[in-house]
Protein backbone atom coordinates (compact mmCIF):
# COMPACT_ATOMS: atom_id res chain seq x y z
CA UNK A 1 21.27 5.41 -8.63
CA UNK A 2 23.75 6.27 -5.84
CA UNK A 3 20.98 7.06 -3.30
CA UNK A 4 19.59 3.55 -3.85
CA UNK A 5 22.93 1.67 -3.70
CA UNK A 6 24.13 2.89 -0.27
CA UNK A 7 20.95 1.89 1.65
CA UNK A 8 20.80 -1.44 -0.19
CA UNK A 9 24.44 -2.23 0.61
CA UNK A 10 23.89 -1.14 4.23
CA UNK A 11 20.90 -3.46 4.49
CA UNK A 12 22.82 -6.41 3.02
CA UNK A 13 25.84 -5.75 5.27
CA UNK A 14 23.58 -5.49 8.36
CA UNK A 15 21.84 -8.75 7.55
CA UNK A 16 25.17 -10.49 6.96
CA UNK A 17 26.65 -9.22 10.24
CA UNK A 18 23.51 -10.13 12.17
CA UNK A 19 23.38 -13.63 10.70
CA UNK A 20 27.10 -14.11 11.37
CA UNK A 21 26.71 -12.96 14.96
CA UNK A 22 23.77 -15.30 15.45
CA UNK A 23 25.77 -18.20 13.99
CA UNK A 24 28.74 -17.52 16.29
CA UNK A 25 26.44 -17.23 19.30
CA UNK A 26 24.73 -20.52 18.40
CA UNK A 27 28.10 -22.27 18.07
CA UNK A 28 29.33 -20.87 21.40
CA UNK A 29 26.21 -21.20 23.54
CA UNK A 30 23.79 -23.13 21.37
CA UNK A 31 21.95 -26.32 21.86
CA UNK A 32 18.74 -26.94 23.65
CA UNK A 33 18.71 -25.61 27.20
CA UNK A 34 18.95 -28.28 29.84
CA UNK A 35 16.05 -28.26 32.27
CA UNK A 36 16.88 -27.31 35.81
CA UNK A 37 17.08 -30.28 38.15
CA UNK A 38 13.96 -30.68 40.21
CA UNK A 39 14.81 -30.40 43.87
CA UNK A 40 13.22 -32.76 46.31
CA UNK A 41 10.62 -31.23 48.56
CA UNK A 42 12.31 -29.23 51.27
CA UNK A 43 9.47 -30.00 53.66
CA UNK A 44 9.59 -33.09 55.79
CA UNK A 45 6.84 -35.61 55.10
CA UNK A 46 5.53 -35.21 58.61
CA UNK A 47 4.71 -31.49 58.41
CA UNK A 48 1.62 -29.35 57.98
CA UNK A 49 1.46 -25.88 56.48
CA UNK A 50 -0.44 -23.35 58.59
CA UNK A 51 -2.76 -20.76 57.00
CA UNK A 52 -1.03 -17.64 55.75
CA UNK A 53 -0.86 -14.54 57.93
CA UNK A 54 0.38 -11.01 57.28
CA UNK A 55 3.22 -9.27 59.07
CA UNK A 56 3.94 -5.56 58.78
CA UNK A 57 7.58 -4.69 59.34
CA UNK A 58 9.33 -1.31 59.32
CA UNK A 59 11.94 -0.64 56.64
CA UNK A 60 14.52 2.03 57.47
CA UNK A 61 17.04 4.02 55.45
CA UNK A 62 20.80 4.07 56.03
CA UNK A 63 20.57 6.74 58.72
CA UNK A 64 17.89 4.85 60.66
CA UNK A 65 14.85 6.91 59.74
CA UNK A 66 11.67 5.12 58.79
CA UNK A 67 11.36 4.74 55.02
CA UNK A 68 8.15 2.73 54.78
CA UNK A 69 6.48 -0.42 55.99
CA UNK A 70 6.58 -3.72 54.14
CA UNK A 71 3.78 -6.27 54.42
CA UNK A 72 4.96 -9.87 54.24
CA UNK A 73 2.59 -12.80 53.83
CA UNK A 74 4.05 -15.69 55.80
CA UNK A 75 3.25 -19.39 56.09
CA UNK A 76 4.81 -21.73 58.61
CA UNK A 77 5.33 -25.44 58.13
CA UNK A 78 5.11 -27.24 61.46
CA UNK A 79 5.28 -30.84 62.62
CA UNK A 80 1.97 -32.69 62.26
CA UNK A 81 1.73 -33.50 65.95
CA UNK A 82 1.78 -29.77 66.79
CA UNK A 83 -0.49 -28.64 63.94
CA UNK A 84 -3.59 -28.41 66.15
CA UNK A 85 -1.93 -26.21 68.77
CA UNK A 86 0.16 -24.01 66.42
CA UNK A 87 -2.61 -21.72 65.01
CA UNK A 88 -3.41 -20.61 68.56
CA UNK A 89 0.19 -19.41 68.95
CA UNK A 90 0.27 -17.22 65.81
CA UNK A 91 -0.61 -14.00 67.73
CA UNK A 92 2.34 -14.64 70.07
CA UNK A 93 4.59 -15.25 67.06
CA UNK A 94 3.37 -11.98 65.50
CA UNK A 95 4.19 -10.13 68.71
CA UNK A 96 7.67 -11.63 68.82
CA UNK A 97 8.27 -10.73 65.14
CA UNK A 98 7.16 -7.15 65.88
CA UNK A 99 9.53 -6.93 68.83
CA UNK A 100 12.45 -8.26 66.78
CA UNK A 101 11.82 -5.96 63.80
CA UNK A 102 11.49 -3.02 66.20
CA UNK A 103 14.87 -3.80 67.79
CA UNK A 104 16.58 -4.54 64.47
CA UNK A 105 14.55 -3.07 61.61
CA UNK A 106 15.03 -4.18 58.03
CA UNK A 107 17.38 -1.85 56.16
CA UNK A 108 16.39 -0.49 52.79
CA UNK A 109 18.99 -1.05 50.10
CA UNK A 110 21.13 1.81 48.81
CA UNK A 111 19.29 1.79 45.51
CA UNK A 112 15.85 1.76 47.14
CA UNK A 113 15.29 -1.98 46.85
CA UNK A 114 13.42 -4.08 49.35
CA UNK A 115 15.43 -5.81 52.06
CA UNK A 116 16.53 -9.40 51.76
CA UNK A 117 13.79 -11.99 52.14
CA UNK A 118 16.31 -14.34 53.73
CA UNK A 119 16.89 -11.77 56.48
CA UNK A 120 13.15 -11.60 57.15
CA UNK A 121 12.83 -15.40 57.09
CA UNK A 122 15.61 -15.60 59.68
CA UNK A 123 13.74 -13.12 61.89
CA UNK A 124 10.49 -15.10 61.62
CA UNK A 125 12.29 -18.37 62.27
CA UNK A 126 14.10 -16.96 65.31
CA UNK A 127 10.80 -15.56 66.63
CA UNK A 128 8.74 -18.72 66.06
CA UNK A 129 11.16 -21.36 67.36
CA UNK A 130 11.02 -20.38 71.05
CA UNK A 131 7.22 -20.18 70.95
CA UNK A 132 6.48 -23.30 68.93
CA UNK A 133 9.50 -25.32 69.96
CA UNK A 134 12.82 -26.00 68.26
CA UNK A 135 11.74 -29.26 66.65
CA UNK A 136 8.22 -28.12 65.72
CA UNK A 137 9.03 -25.45 63.12
CA UNK A 138 10.01 -27.10 59.83
CA UNK A 139 10.15 -24.14 57.44
CA UNK A 140 9.26 -20.46 57.06
CA UNK A 141 7.81 -19.45 53.68
CA UNK A 142 7.34 -15.83 52.57
CA UNK A 143 4.72 -15.95 49.84
CA UNK A 144 4.14 -12.25 49.14
CA UNK A 145 5.79 -8.89 49.81
CA UNK A 146 4.32 -5.47 49.21
CA UNK A 147 4.88 -1.92 50.39
CA UNK A 148 2.35 -0.59 52.86
CA UNK A 149 1.37 3.03 53.20
CA UNK A 150 0.66 2.45 56.93
CA UNK A 151 -2.94 1.47 56.23
CA UNK A 152 -4.66 -1.30 58.17
CA UNK A 153 -3.77 -4.87 57.33
């Protein structure tokens, strides 16, 4: 009988502790979760989103050696009055991004993580504003990031 009593008591005690923990958690943090507030569109009404293009950028380690390349898919939101002229300037923007990432490459994190997307968005924004114009570029959107094994884009 003793071999049956100890597992049964352990099971009952485990269920009681689990139910008590769940009850305490529900009292502390319970309730229905509140939905996140919906932010207004960050894009101005008078803007157009250009077709996506890919940018390959070097990612370096702490000592400055090349770790890998990252491929970012980027879209630019521009003012509607400049939307016809802007696609023609994408190759110049790509060149400027390449020059900036060559001078200041993206650093790989200590734990091997990808670099900050905000850092890359700042690079793209700084590269595109002189070419498109300060008031033309509304927003830079990075829609995809992947590691590249130096293959063609």
